C-alpha atoms as a PDB file:
ATOM      1  CA  MET A   1       0.175   0.308  -0.119  1.00  0.00           C
ATOM      2  CA  VAL A   2       1.536   3.349  -0.999  1.00  0.00           C
ATOM      3  CA  GLU A   3      -0.480   6.249  -0.033  1.00  0.00           C
ATOM      4  CA  TYR A   4       0.845   9.378  -1.782  1.00  0.00           C
ATOM      5  CA  THR A   5      -0.005  12.467   1.178  1.00  0.00           C
ATOM      6  CA  ASP A   6       1.280  15.901   2.008  1.00  0.00           C
ATOM      7  CA  PRO A   7       1.103  16.370   5.896  1.00  0.00           C
ATOM      8  CA  LEU A   8      -0.496  20.084   4.829  1.00  0.00           C
ATOM      9  CA  CYS A   9      -3.170  18.862   2.861  1.00  0.00           C
ATOM     10  CA  PRO A  10      -6.275  19.444   3.277  1.00  0.00           C
ATOM     11  CA  TRP A  11      -8.177  16.679   1.384  1.00  0.00           C
ATOM     12  CA  ALA A  12      -5.575  14.269   2.971  1.00  0.00           C
ATOM     13  CA  TRP A  13      -6.506  15.441   6.318  1.00  0.00           C
ATOM     14  CA  GLY A  14     -10.102  14.656   5.392  1.00  0.00           C
ATOM     15  CA  SER A  15      -9.379  11.360   4.635  1.00  0.00           C
ATOM     16  CA  GLU A  16      -8.053  10.316   7.459  1.00  0.00           C
ATOM     17  CA  PRO A  17     -11.228   8.856   9.496  1.00  0.00           C
ATOM     18  CA  VAL A  18     -11.313   6.441   6.337  1.00  0.00           C
ATOM     19  CA  PHE A  19      -7.853   5.505   6.743  1.00  0.00           C
ATOM     20  CA  ARG A  20      -7.142   5.146  10.150  1.00  0.00           C
ATOM     21  CA  ARG A  21     -10.250   2.943   9.462  1.00  0.00           C
ATOM     22  CA  LEU A  22      -8.204   0.996   6.488  1.00  0.00           C
ATOM     23  CA  ARG A  23      -4.730   0.972   8.685  1.00  0.00           C
ATOM     24  CA  ALA A  24      -7.041  -0.675  11.386  1.00  0.00           C
ATOM     25  CA  ALA A  25      -8.585  -3.936   8.916  1.00  0.00           C
ATOM     26  CA  LEU A  26      -5.439  -4.583   7.277  1.00  0.00           C
ATOM     27  CA  ALA A  27      -2.846  -3.936  10.085  1.00  0.00           C
ATOM     28  CA  GLY A  28       0.148  -6.644  10.337  1.00  0.00           C
ATOM     29  CA  ARG A  29      -1.053  -8.148   6.784  1.00  0.00           C
ATOM     30  CA  VAL A  30      -0.202  -4.954   4.561  1.00  0.00           C
ATOM     31  CA  ARG A  31       3.111  -3.088   4.430  1.00  0.00           C
ATOM     32  CA  TRP A  32       1.840  -0.097   4.322  1.00  0.00           C
ATOM     33  CA  ARG A  33       4.647   3.314   3.026  1.00  0.00           C
ATOM     34  CA  ARG A  34       3.465   6.657   2.679  1.00  0.00           C
ATOM     35  CA  ALA A  35       4.970   8.827  -0.067  1.00  0.00           C
ATOM     36  CA  TYR A  36       5.465  12.964   0.793  1.00  0.00           C
ATOM     37  CA  ALA A  37       3.948  14.528  -2.849  1.00  0.00           C
ATOM     38  CA  ILE A  38       4.853  18.167  -1.646  1.00  0.00           C
ATOM     39  CA  LEU A  39       2.122  19.783  -2.115  1.00  0.00           C
ATOM     40  CA  PHE A  40       3.510  23.241  -1.749  1.00  0.00           C
ATOM     41  CA  ASP A  41       7.284  22.810  -3.117  1.00  0.00           C
ATOM     42  CA  HIS A  42      10.387  25.065  -2.939  1.00  0.00           C
ATOM     43  CA  ASP A  43      10.026  26.552  -6.386  1.00  0.00           C
ATOM     44  CA  ASP A  44       6.629  28.092  -5.858  1.00  0.00           C
ATOM     45  CA  ASP A  45       6.399  31.473  -6.307  1.00  0.00           C
ATOM     46  CA  PRO A  46       5.918  33.545  -3.328  1.00  0.00           C
ATOM     47  CA  PRO A  47       2.417  35.171  -3.188  1.00  0.00           C
ATOM     48  CA  PRO A  48       2.047  38.836  -4.469  1.00  0.00           C
ATOM     49  CA  ASP A  49      -0.468  39.662  -1.171  1.00  0.00           C
ATOM     50  CA  PRO A  50       0.303  37.436   1.233  1.00  0.00           C
ATOM     51  CA  ALA A  51      -2.644  38.780   3.474  1.00  0.00           C
ATOM     52  CA  ALA A  52      -5.193  37.839  -0.259  1.00  0.00           C
ATOM     53  CA  GLU A  53      -3.602  34.620  -0.399  1.00  0.00           C
ATOM     54  CA  THR A  54      -3.970  33.549   3.267  1.00  0.00           C
ATOM     55  CA  ALA A  55      -7.670  34.451   2.713  1.00  0.00           C
ATOM     56  CA  TRP A  56      -8.688  32.629  -0.148  1.00  0.00           C
ATOM     57  CA  TYR A  57      -6.802  29.587   1.289  1.00  0.00           C
ATOM     58  CA  ALA A  58      -8.662  29.781   4.742  1.00  0.00           C
ATOM     59  CA  ARG A  59     -11.894  29.940   2.113  1.00  0.00           C
ATOM     60  CA  TYR A  60     -10.439  27.093   0.457  1.00  0.00           C
ATOM     61  CA  VAL A  61     -10.331  24.916   3.283  1.00  0.00           C
ATOM     62  CA  GLU A  62     -13.461  25.583   4.310  1.00  0.00           C
ATOM     63  CA  GLU A  63     -14.593  24.499   1.352  1.00  0.00           C
ATOM     64  CA  ILE A  64     -13.100  21.472   1.412  1.00  0.00           C
ATOM     65  CA  SER A  65     -14.105  21.370   5.559  1.00  0.00           C
ATOM     66  CA  SER A  66     -17.729  21.376   4.310  1.00  0.00           C
ATOM     67  CA  HIS A  67     -17.100  17.898   1.818  1.00  0.00           C
ATOM     68  CA  THR A  68     -15.267  15.994   4.928  1.00  0.00           C
ATOM     69  CA  LEU A  69     -16.693  17.281   7.760  1.00  0.00           C
ATOM     70  CA  ALA A  70     -12.702  17.426   9.864  1.00  0.00           C
ATOM     71  CA  PRO A  71     -11.916  20.479  11.496  1.00  0.00           C
ATOM     72  CA  ARG A  72     -10.560  23.594  10.327  1.00  0.00           C
ATOM     73  CA  ALA A  73      -8.819  26.348  11.755  1.00  0.00           C
ATOM     74  CA  ALA A  74     -10.671  29.193  13.504  1.00  0.00           C
ATOM     75  CA  ARG A  75      -7.900  31.230  12.057  1.00  0.00           C
ATOM     76  CA  LEU A  76      -5.299  30.461   9.332  1.00  0.00           C
ATOM     77  CA  SER A  77      -2.090  32.614   9.983  1.00  0.00           C
ATOM     78  CA  ARG A  78      -0.369  32.188   7.045  1.00  0.00           C
ATOM     79  CA  MET A  79      -0.509  30.301   3.738  1.00  0.00           C
ATOM     80  CA  PRO A  80       1.551  27.258   4.094  1.00  0.00           C
ATOM     81  CA  ALA A  81       5.341  27.803   2.670  1.00  0.00           C
ATOM     82  CA  SER A  82       6.973  24.800   2.166  1.00  0.00           C
ATOM     83  CA  SER A  83       5.636  21.010   2.945  1.00  0.00           C
ATOM     84  CA  TRP A  84       9.424  20.114   2.582  1.00  0.00           C
ATOM     85  CA  PRO A  85      10.033  20.640   6.608  1.00  0.00           C
ATOM     86  CA  SER A  86       6.820  19.023   8.014  1.00  0.00           C
ATOM     87  CA  SER A  87       8.091  16.167   4.958  1.00  0.00           C
ATOM     88  CA  LEU A  88      11.014  15.608   6.350  1.00  0.00           C
ATOM     89  CA  VAL A  89       9.856  15.384  10.023  1.00  0.00           C
ATOM     90  CA  ALA A  90       7.510  13.326   9.064  1.00  0.00           C
ATOM     91  CA  LYS A  91       9.851  10.697   7.329  1.00  0.00           C
ATOM     92  CA  ALA A  92      12.626  11.101   9.836  1.00  0.00           C
ATOM     93  CA  ALA A  93      10.320   9.650  12.835  1.00  0.00           C
ATOM     94  CA  VAL A  94       9.931   6.418  10.843  1.00  0.00           C
ATOM     95  CA  PRO A  95      13.043   4.628  11.984  1.00  0.00           C
ATOM     96  CA  GLN A  96      11.754   5.397  15.640  1.00  0.00           C
ATOM     97  CA  GLY A  97       8.616   2.969  15.345  1.00  0.00           C
ATOM     98  CA  GLU A  98       5.012   3.451  13.236  1.00  0.00           C
ATOM     99  CA  GLU A  99       2.998   4.046  15.992  1.00  0.00           C
ATOM    100  CA  VAL A 100       5.777   7.628  17.197  1.00  0.00           C
ATOM    101  CA  ALA A 101       5.358   8.147  13.376  1.00  0.00           C
ATOM    102  CA  GLU A 102       1.869   7.897  13.229  1.00  0.00           C
ATOM    103  CA  ARG A 103       1.182  10.844  15.962  1.00  0.00           C
ATOM    104  CA  VAL A 104       4.019  13.098  14.820  1.00  0.00           C
ATOM    105  CA  LEU A 105       2.439  13.371  11.396  1.00  0.00           C
ATOM    106  CA  ARG A 106      -0.199  13.787  13.068  1.00  0.00           C
ATOM    107  CA  ARG A 107       0.202  16.383  14.835  1.00  0.00           C
ATOM    108  CA  LEU A 108       1.813  18.109  11.591  1.00  0.00           C
ATOM    109  CA  ARG A 109      -1.108  18.208  10.094  1.00  0.00           C
ATOM    110  CA  GLU A 110      -3.188  19.332  13.157  1.00  0.00           C
ATOM    111  CA  SER A 111      -0.294  22.130  13.341  1.00  0.00           C
ATOM    112  CA  VAL A 112      -2.183  23.525  10.046  1.00  0.00           C
ATOM    113  CA  PHE A 113      -5.816  22.701  10.381  1.00  0.00           C
ATOM    114  CA  VAL A 114      -5.929  22.928  14.271  1.00  0.00           C
ATOM    115  CA  LEU A 115      -3.665  25.159  15.255  1.00  0.00           C
ATOM    116  CA  GLY A 116      -3.646  27.827  11.875  1.00  0.00           C
ATOM    117  CA  GLU A 117      -0.297  27.264  13.015  1.00  0.00           C
ATOM    118  CA  PRO A 118       1.550  25.237   9.450  1.00  0.00           C
ATOM    119  CA  ALA A 119       4.358  23.690  10.164  1.00  0.00           C
ATOM    120  CA  ASP A 120       5.938  25.223   7.404  1.00  0.00           C
ATOM    121  CA  THR A 121      10.265  25.334   8.960  1.00  0.00           C
ATOM    122  CA  ILE A 122      11.830  22.766  10.241  1.00  0.00           C
ATOM    123  CA  GLU A 123      11.931  24.830  13.473  1.00  0.00           C
ATOM    124  CA  SER A 124       8.007  25.342  13.620  1.00  0.00           C
ATOM    125  CA  ALA A 125       7.736  21.335  12.691  1.00  0.00           C
ATOM    126  CA  LEU A 126       9.894  19.976  15.102  1.00  0.00           C
ATOM    127  CA  SER A 127       8.095  22.374  18.110  1.00  0.00           C
ATOM    128  CA  ALA A 128       4.807  20.753  16.920  1.00  0.00           C
ATOM    129  CA  VAL A 129       5.810  17.265  17.537  1.00  0.00           C
ATOM    130  CA  ARG A 130       7.739  18.309  21.131  1.00  0.00           C
ATOM    131  CA  GLY A 131       5.813  15.224  23.890  1.00  0.00           C
ATOM    132  CA  VAL A 132       4.693  13.431  21.568  1.00  0.00           C
ATOM    133  CA  PRO A 133       4.940   9.750  23.768  1.00  0.00           C
ATOM    134  CA  GLY A 134       8.106   7.579  22.901  1.00  0.00           C
ATOM    135  CA  LEU A 135       9.645  10.327  20.759  1.00  0.00           C
ATOM    136  CA  ASP A 136      13.190  10.862  20.543  1.00  0.00           C
ATOM    137  CA  PRO A 137      13.583  14.750  19.619  1.00  0.00           C
ATOM    138  CA  ARG A 138      16.951  14.689  19.787  1.00  0.00           C
ATOM    139  CA  LEU A 139      16.852  12.101  17.152  1.00  0.00           C
ATOM    140  CA  LEU A 140      14.165  13.287  14.597  1.00  0.00           C
ATOM    141  CA  ALA A 141      16.247  16.644  14.938  1.00  0.00           C
ATOM    142  CA  VAL A 142      19.152  14.968  13.413  1.00  0.00           C
ATOM    143  CA  ASP A 143      17.860  12.979  11.448  1.00  0.00           C
ATOM    144  CA  ALA A 144      15.398  15.101   9.766  1.00  0.00           C
ATOM    145  CA  ALA A 145      18.805  17.096   8.759  1.00  0.00           C
ATOM    146  CA  SER A 146      20.423  14.184   7.261  1.00  0.00           C
ATOM    147  CA  GLU A 147      21.566  13.791   3.914  1.00  0.00           C
ATOM    148  CA  ALA A 148      19.604  10.466   3.638  1.00  0.00           C
ATOM    149  CA  VAL A 149      16.583  11.757   4.957  1.00  0.00           C
ATOM    150  CA  LEU A 150      16.288  14.104   2.151  1.00  0.00           C
ATOM    151  CA  GLU A 151      16.927  12.337  -0.752  1.00  0.00           C
ATOM    152  CA  GLN A 152      13.965   9.911   0.696  1.00  0.00           C
ATOM    153  CA  VAL A 153      11.911  12.586   0.367  1.00  0.00           C
ATOM    154  CA  ARG A 154      13.073  13.841  -2.679  1.00  0.00           C
ATOM    155  CA  VAL A 155      12.652   9.796  -3.961  1.00  0.00           C
ATOM    156  CA  ASP A 156       8.957  10.104  -2.409  1.00  0.00           C
ATOM    157  CA  ARG A 157       8.217  14.225  -4.553  1.00  0.00           C
ATOM    158  CA  VAL A 158       9.724  12.141  -8.227  1.00  0.00           C
ATOM    159  CA  GLU A 159       7.434   9.118  -7.521  1.00  0.00           C
ATOM    160  CA  ALA A 160       3.964  11.266  -7.004  1.00  0.00           C
ATOM    161  CA  ARG A 161       5.088  12.796 -10.200  1.00  0.00           C
ATOM    162  CA  ARG A 162       5.254   9.497 -12.031  1.00  0.00           C
ATOM    163  CA  PRO A 163       1.147   8.449 -11.486  1.00  0.00           C
ATOM    164  CA  VAL A 164      -0.527   5.083 -13.507  1.00  0.00           C
ATOM    165  CA  ALA A 165      -2.435   6.423 -16.459  1.00  0.00           C
ATOM    166  CA  GLU A 166      -5.599   5.212 -14.490  1.00  0.00           C
ATOM    167  CA  VAL A 167      -5.231   8.542 -12.824  1.00  0.00           C
ATOM    168  CA  LEU A 168      -5.000  10.890 -15.518  1.00  0.00           C
ATOM    169  CA  SER A 169      -8.367  10.831 -15.499  1.00  0.00           C
ATOM    170  CA  ALA A 170     -11.299   9.989 -12.912  1.00  0.00           C
ATOM    171  CA  ARG A 171     -14.194  10.615 -12.469  1.00  0.00           C
ATOM    172  CA  GLY A 172     -17.487   9.683  -9.928  1.00  0.00           C
ATOM    173  CA  GLY A 173     -19.558  11.355  -7.396  1.00  0.00           C
ATOM    174  CA  SER A 174     -17.087  12.343  -5.308  1.00  0.00           C
ATOM    175  CA  PRO A 175     -16.364  16.097  -4.697  1.00  0.00           C
ATOM    176  CA  HIS A 176     -12.873  15.667  -5.148  1.00  0.00           C
ATOM    177  CA  PRO A 177     -12.636  12.039  -7.346  1.00  0.00           C
ATOM    178  CA  GLY A 178      -8.769  12.929  -7.402  1.00  0.00           C
ATOM    179  CA  ALA A 179      -7.607  13.420 -11.154  1.00  0.00           C
ATOM    180  CA  ALA A 180      -3.526  13.465 -11.368  1.00  0.00           C
ATOM    181  CA  LYS A 181      -2.465  17.247 -11.300  1.00  0.00           C
ATOM    182  CA  GLU A 182      -0.606  19.132 -13.813  1.00  0.00           C
ATOM    183  CA  THR A 183       2.901  20.416 -12.455  1.00  0.00           C
ATOM    184  CA  ALA A 184       5.090  23.571 -13.306  1.00  0.00           C
ATOM    185  CA  GLU A 185       7.204  21.127 -15.125  1.00  0.00           C
ATOM    186  CA  GLY A 186       4.586  19.965 -17.442  1.00  0.00           C
ATOM    187  CA  GLY A 187       4.268  16.977 -16.281  1.00  0.00           C
ATOM    188  CA  HIS A 188       1.735  15.507 -13.849  1.00  0.00           C
ATOM    189  CA  ARG A 189       1.514  14.075 -10.115  1.00  0.00           C
ATOM    190  CA  TYR A 190      -0.810  11.906  -8.122  1.00  0.00           C
ATOM    191  CA  ALA A 191      -3.866  13.675  -6.336  1.00  0.00           C
ATOM    192  CA  LEU A 192      -4.041  13.630  -2.735  1.00  0.00           C
ATOM    193  CA  PRO A 193      -4.777  11.665  -1.493  1.00  0.00           C
ATOM    194  CA  THR A 194      -4.078   8.520  -3.284  1.00  0.00           C
ATOM    195  CA  LEU A 195      -3.566   5.032  -2.602  1.00  0.00           C
ATOM    196  CA  LEU A 196      -1.881   2.714  -5.043  1.00  0.00           C
ATOM    197  CA  VAL A 197      -2.458  -1.242  -4.223  1.00  0.00           C
ATOM    198  CA  ARG A 198       0.231  -3.708  -5.311  1.00  0.00           C
ATOM    199  CA  ALA A 199       0.349  -7.324  -4.953  1.00  0.00           C
ATOM    200  CA  ALA A 200       2.187  -9.996  -7.595  1.00  0.00           C
ATOM    201  CA  GLY A 201       2.853  -7.290  -9.900  1.00  0.00           C
ATOM    202  CA  GLU A 202      -0.699  -6.160 -10.293  1.00  0.00           C
ATOM    203  CA  TYR A 203      -1.806  -2.776  -8.942  1.00  0.00           C
ATOM    204  CA  ARG A 204      -5.153  -1.218  -8.152  1.00  0.00           C
ATOM    205  CA  VAL A 205      -5.031   2.507  -7.617  1.00  0.00           C
ATOM    206  CA  VAL A 206      -7.996   4.617  -5.421  1.00  0.00           C
ATOM    207  CA  PRO A 207      -7.911   8.322  -5.857  1.00  0.00           C
ATOM    208  CA  GLY A 208      -9.063  11.317  -4.268  1.00  0.00           C
ATOM    209  CA  LEU A 209     -11.980  11.899  -1.971  1.00  0.00           C
ATOM    210  CA  ARG A 210     -13.468   7.727  -1.673  1.00  0.00           C
ATOM    211  CA  PRO A 211     -15.279   5.827   0.842  1.00  0.00           C
ATOM    212  CA  PHE A 212     -13.806   3.233   2.861  1.00  0.00           C
ATOM    213  CA  GLU A 213     -15.482   0.521   0.670  1.00  0.00           C
ATOM    214  CA  GLU A 214     -13.437   2.144  -2.435  1.00  0.00           C
ATOM    215  CA  TYR A 215     -10.253   0.809  -0.929  1.00  0.00           C
ATOM    216  CA  ALA A 216     -11.559  -2.099   0.399  1.00  0.00           C
ATOM    217  CA  ALA A 217     -12.292  -2.951  -2.762  1.00  0.00           C
ATOM    218  CA  ALA A 218      -8.977  -2.615  -4.216  1.00  0.00           C
ATOM    219  CA  VAL A 219      -7.353  -4.646  -1.227  1.00  0.00           C
ATOM    220  CA  GLU A 220      -9.948  -7.655  -2.078  1.00  0.00           C
ATOM    221  CA  GLU A 221      -9.429  -7.770  -6.211  1.00  0.00           C
ATOM    222  CA  LEU A 222      -5.852  -8.817  -5.110  1.00  0.00           C
ATOM    223  CA  GLY A 223      -5.979 -10.456  -1.768  1.00  0.00           C
ATOM    224  CA  PRO A 224      -9.460 -11.701  -1.497  1.00  0.00           C
ATOM    225  CA  GLY A 225      -9.961 -12.209   1.999  1.00  0.00           C
ATOM    226  CA  LEU A 226      -7.194  -9.681   3.273  1.00  0.00           C
ATOM    227  CA  SER A 227      -9.446  -7.362   3.990  1.00  0.00           C
ATOM    228  CA  THR A 228     -12.398  -6.819   6.362  1.00  0.00           C
ATOM    229  CA  VAL A 229     -14.551  -3.912   8.327  1.00  0.00           C
ATOM    230  CA  PRO A 230     -12.448  -3.470  11.971  1.00  0.00           C
ATOM    231  CA  ASP A 231     -14.375  -4.473  14.833  1.00  0.00           C
ATOM    232  CA  LEU A 232     -15.666  -0.655  16.238  1.00  0.00           C
ATOM    233  CA  LEU A 233     -14.029   0.175  19.777  1.00  0.00           C
ATOM    234  CA  SER A 234     -14.963   1.671  22.659  1.00  0.00           C
ATOM    235  CA  PRO A 235     -14.204   5.766  23.048  1.00  0.00           C
ATOM    236  CA  ALA A 236     -12.020   4.892  25.599  1.00  0.00           C
ATOM    237  CA  ASP A 237      -9.901   2.372  23.997  1.00  0.00           C
ATOM    238  CA  ALA A 238     -10.076   4.312  20.752  1.00  0.00           C
ATOM    239  CA  LEU A 239      -8.708   7.496  22.308  1.00  0.00           C
ATOM    240  CA  ASP A 240      -6.415   5.752  23.813  1.00  0.00           C
ATOM    241  CA  ARG A 241      -5.502   4.276  20.794  1.00  0.00           C
ATOM    242  CA  HIS A 242      -4.924   7.131  18.450  1.00  0.00           C
ATOM    243  CA  ARG A 243      -4.678   9.948  21.496  1.00  0.00           C
ATOM    244  CA  SER A 244      -6.029  12.835  18.818  1.00  0.00           C
ATOM    245  CA  LEU A 245      -9.904  12.199  17.411  1.00  0.00           C
ATOM    246  CA  THR A 246     -12.086  14.150  15.429  1.00  0.00           C
ATOM    247  CA  ASP A 247     -16.056  14.057  15.031  1.00  0.00           C
ATOM    248  CA  PRO A 248     -16.041  12.386  12.234  1.00  0.00           C
ATOM    249  CA  GLU A 249     -12.821   9.753  12.840  1.00  0.00           C
ATOM    250  CA  ARG A 250     -14.822   9.176  16.777  1.00  0.00           C
ATOM    251  CA  LEU A 251     -18.220   7.863  14.467  1.00  0.00           C
ATOM    252  CA  LEU A 252     -16.516   5.537  12.187  1.00  0.00           C
ATOM    253  CA  LEU A 253     -13.985   3.821  15.034  1.00  0.00           C
ATOM    254  CA  THR A 254     -16.328   3.999  17.863  1.00  0.00           C
ATOM    255  CA  GLU A 255     -19.262   2.535  19.446  1.00  0.00           C
ATOM    256  CA  GLY A 256     -20.815   3.952  23.114  1.00  0.00           C
ATOM    257  CA  PRO A 257     -21.544   7.223  24.283  1.00  0.00           C
ATOM    258  CA  TRP A 258     -19.350  10.208  23.288  1.00  0.00           C
ATOM    259  CA  PRO A 259     -17.229  11.583  25.362  1.00  0.00           C
ATOM    260  CA  PRO A 260     -15.274   8.825  27.004  1.00  0.00           C
ATOM    261  CA  PRO A 261     -14.243  10.112  30.284  1.00  0.00           C
ATOM    262  CA  GLY A 262     -11.209  12.501  30.816  1.00  0.00           C
ATOM    263  CA  ALA A 263     -11.523  13.684  27.182  1.00  0.00           C
ATOM    264  CA  VAL A 264     -10.296  17.056  26.553  1.00  0.00           C
ATOM    265  CA  ARG A 265     -12.279  19.130  24.078  1.00  0.00           C
ATOM    266  CA  VAL A 266     -11.258  21.886  21.488  1.00  0.00           C
ATOM    267  CA  ASP A 267     -13.021  23.709  19.086  1.00  0.00           C
ATOM    268  CA  THR A 268     -11.515  24.580  16.080  1.00  0.00           C
ATOM    269  CA  GLY A 269     -13.407  26.307  13.562  1.00  0.00           C
ATOM    270  CA  ASN A 270     -15.818  23.372  12.715  1.00  0.00           C
ATOM    271  CA  GLY A 271     -16.701  20.907  15.394  1.00  0.00           C
ATOM    272  CA  PRO A 272     -13.991  19.820  18.274  1.00  0.00           C
ATOM    273  CA  LEU A 273     -11.422  17.446  18.115  1.00  0.00           C
ATOM    274  CA  TRP A 274     -11.081  16.108  20.961  1.00  0.00           C
ATOM    275  CA  LEU A 275      -8.005  14.645  22.625  1.00  0.00           C
ATOM    276  CA  HIS A 276      -6.661  12.107  25.714  1.00  0.00           C
ATOM    277  CA  PRO A 277      -6.478  13.769  28.522  1.00  0.00           C
ATOM    278  CA  GLU A 278      -2.014  12.868  28.626  1.00  0.00           C
ATOM    279  CA  GLU A 279      -2.132  14.126  25.231  1.00  0.00           C
ATOM    280  CA  ALA A 280      -3.774  17.058  26.247  1.00  0.00           C
ATOM    281  CA  ALA A 281      -1.232  17.979  28.982  1.00  0.00           C
ATOM    282  CA  VAL A 282       1.785  18.227  25.367  1.00  0.00           C
ATOM    283  CA  HIS A 283      -0.273  19.290  22.897  1.00  0.00           C
ATOM    284  CA  PRO A 284      -0.104  22.485  21.319  1.00  0.00           C
ATOM    285  CA  ALA A 285      -3.262  23.580  20.989  1.00  0.00           C
ATOM    286  CA  VAL A 286      -3.806  22.976  25.199  1.00  0.00           C
ATOM    287  CA  ALA A 287      -0.447  24.054  26.066  1.00  0.00           C
ATOM    288  CA  ARG A 288      -0.097  27.250  24.508  1.00  0.00           C
END
């Protein structure tokens, strides 16, 4: 499974409920890799009017959140300048273990869509993930600045700009069907998110914003019997596992009265974010 994504992409943020459910269904039975496509690149022209660009982007995110129901920041401080810092930090977290890497990426997403302060510098990206349980922050900083991690993200960027033919056009009832995007270089890159499922020389691709059933069907075609619907968790168990849940996530992943005892509510511009009390103690949305 290759997930083409970006920590600062609003459609990828809105797809997290379905992806969390899919990862739970396939846990321990597939290899899931994230390729960071670099939505905001170094060579993008700076906006002539940063305030106007930020206002436009805030409206764009608001429109997307009306489809995904994902939280959005009540106030966005600026348009993200670059995806490279958050992508480097997310990639650098992978050797520290799957659980740590998941929580690091989650914090990076929340930097822009909850806090309204995009993690678009190395300093802000490292600050956004401070306090993640089990994370070695010094090692993370060293690895994020390493040539090896930079090369991994460079490879991800190139890979994302070699989409399979099926996504050069994409149709369907989704507000984000996921047709590949034209690039400044004259080529294409995967729309974000896109999931590529590979097995035994075959592949299936599911682009854009899609329901769980479309991803499960793609997996089932290549691995009959592999895709299953995961058991719903109690609210307390789900919050203990994920540490941070949006309303769309808790509705898709949990069963039982909400909120669980001790859950900390963080209000956003489009519904709450729910934090485990231990996460709330170190989360920048509460601690700042």
